[in-house]
């Protein structure tokens, strides 16, 4: 193996060991409930899962929703032009709001 590859593999392994050791510290949540006045609700999704898996998927779905909205807008525009906002909200606004506006760990 060349020295350059050995250095890269060593750096990758060192990073993996450090991240694996630190992940339980990030996963620890002393309060699993958020105080929302009188009502309190339990978080449904771990923050790390939301940040590293669900949000990137939301970004992909936002792009796919924009692509799917174009033909949907054509059909809705022809048949029911006053209801063009319904597919826009479903295909574009909801994934965008989830990806960029909702707090982490709320879904």
Protein backbone atom coordinates (compact mmCIF):
# COMPACT_ATOMS: atom_id res chain seq x y z
CA UNK A 1 0.00 0.00 0.00
CA UNK A 2 1.31 3.45 -0.80
CA UNK A 3 2.11 5.84 2.06
CA UNK A 4 -0.58 8.25 0.93
CA UNK A 5 -3.30 5.59 1.14
CA UNK A 6 -2.02 4.46 4.55
CA UNK A 7 -2.28 8.01 5.87
CA UNK A 8 -5.82 8.37 4.50
CA UNK A 9 -6.91 5.03 6.00
CA UNK A 10 -5.35 5.94 9.36
CA UNK A 11 -7.08 9.32 9.35
CA UNK A 12 -10.40 7.71 8.45
CA UNK A 13 -10.08 5.13 11.22
CA UNK A 14 -9.08 7.78 13.77
CA UNK A 15 -12.06 9.90 12.78
CA UNK A 16 -14.39 6.90 13.04
CA UNK A 17 -13.10 6.05 16.52
CA UNK A 18 -13.49 9.64 17.71
CA UNK A 19 -16.99 10.00 16.26
CA UNK A 20 -18.10 6.63 17.65
CA UNK A 21 -16.91 7.63 21.11
CA UNK A 22 -18.61 11.02 20.98
CA UNK A 23 -21.96 9.89 19.58
CA UNK A 24 -23.41 8.71 22.93
CA UNK A 25 -22.65 12.16 24.35
CA UNK A 26 -24.61 13.77 21.54
CA UNK A 27 -27.47 11.31 21.92
CA UNK A 28 -27.91 12.01 25.64
CA UNK A 29 -30.92 14.19 26.28
CA UNK A 30 -31.54 14.93 29.95
CA UNK A 31 -35.04 16.16 29.18
CA UNK A 32 -36.98 14.06 26.70
CA UNK A 33 -39.97 16.35 27.08
CA UNK A 34 -40.27 19.90 25.86
CA UNK A 35 -42.13 22.35 28.00
CA UNK A 36 -44.90 23.96 26.00
CA UNK A 37 -46.77 25.67 28.77
CA UNK A 38 -49.27 23.43 30.51
CA UNK A 39 -48.92 20.72 27.90
CA UNK A 40 -45.67 18.89 27.40
CA UNK A 41 -45.00 16.49 24.58
CA UNK A 42 -42.37 13.88 24.07
CA UNK A 43 -39.95 14.28 21.20
CA UNK A 44 -40.72 11.78 18.50
CA UNK A 45 -37.44 11.71 16.55
CA UNK A 46 -33.85 11.77 17.84
CA UNK A 47 -32.12 14.99 16.79
CA UNK A 48 -29.14 13.26 15.16
CA UNK A 49 -31.39 11.02 13.06
CA UNK A 50 -33.37 14.07 12.02
CA UNK A 51 -30.29 16.16 11.21
CA UNK A 52 -28.23 13.57 9.32
CA UNK A 53 -30.85 11.39 7.63
CA UNK A 54 -34.33 12.91 7.56
CA UNK A 55 -33.36 16.49 6.64
CA UNK A 56 -31.24 15.45 3.64
CA UNK A 57 -34.13 13.23 2.55
CA UNK A 58 -36.41 16.26 2.95
CA UNK A 59 -34.09 18.23 0.70
CA UNK A 60 -34.27 15.49 -1.95
CA UNK A 61 -38.06 15.36 -1.63
CA UNK A 62 -38.26 19.14 -1.97
CA UNK A 63 -36.45 18.88 -5.31
CA UNK A 64 -38.58 15.95 -6.44
CA UNK A 65 -41.70 17.83 -5.37
CA UNK A 66 -40.70 20.80 -7.51
CA UNK A 67 -40.18 18.49 -10.48
CA UNK A 68 -43.49 16.69 -9.86
CA UNK A 69 -45.33 19.99 -9.44
CA UNK A 70 -44.74 21.05 -13.04
CA UNK A 71 -46.93 18.38 -14.69
CA UNK A 72 -49.39 18.51 -11.79
CA UNK A 73 -49.71 22.27 -12.25
CA UNK A 74 -50.45 21.77 -15.94
CA UNK A 75 -53.26 19.30 -15.25
CA UNK A 76 -54.72 21.28 -12.35
CA UNK A 77 -54.39 24.52 -14.30
CA UNK A 78 -56.46 23.05 -17.13
CA UNK A 79 -59.12 21.31 -15.03
CA UNK A 80 -59.38 23.42 -11.84
CA UNK A 81 -57.35 26.62 -12.14
CA UNK A 82 -58.60 28.03 -8.82
CA UNK A 83 -57.11 25.07 -6.91
CA UNK A 84 -53.51 25.40 -8.13
CA UNK A 85 -52.35 26.00 -4.55
CA UNK A 86 -53.30 22.51 -3.35
CA UNK A 87 -50.63 20.55 -5.26
CA UNK A 88 -48.13 23.37 -4.65
CA UNK A 89 -48.61 23.13 -0.88
CA UNK A 90 -48.46 19.34 -0.91
CA UNK A 91 -45.50 18.89 -3.27
CA UNK A 92 -43.36 21.97 -2.58
CA UNK A 93 -44.34 23.90 0.55
CA UNK A 94 -44.62 20.99 3.02
CA UNK A 95 -41.22 19.40 2.18
CA UNK A 96 -39.58 22.86 2.12
CA UNK A 97 -41.06 23.80 5.48
CA UNK A 98 -40.01 20.47 7.00
CA UNK A 99 -36.47 20.73 5.63
CA UNK A 100 -35.69 24.36 6.36
CA UNK A 101 -38.11 25.72 8.96
CA UNK A 102 -39.23 23.03 11.43
CA UNK A 103 -37.12 22.54 14.59
CA UNK A 104 -34.88 19.48 14.74
CA UNK A 105 -36.37 16.41 16.41
CA UNK A 106 -39.99 17.47 16.09
CA UNK A 107 -41.10 14.76 13.66
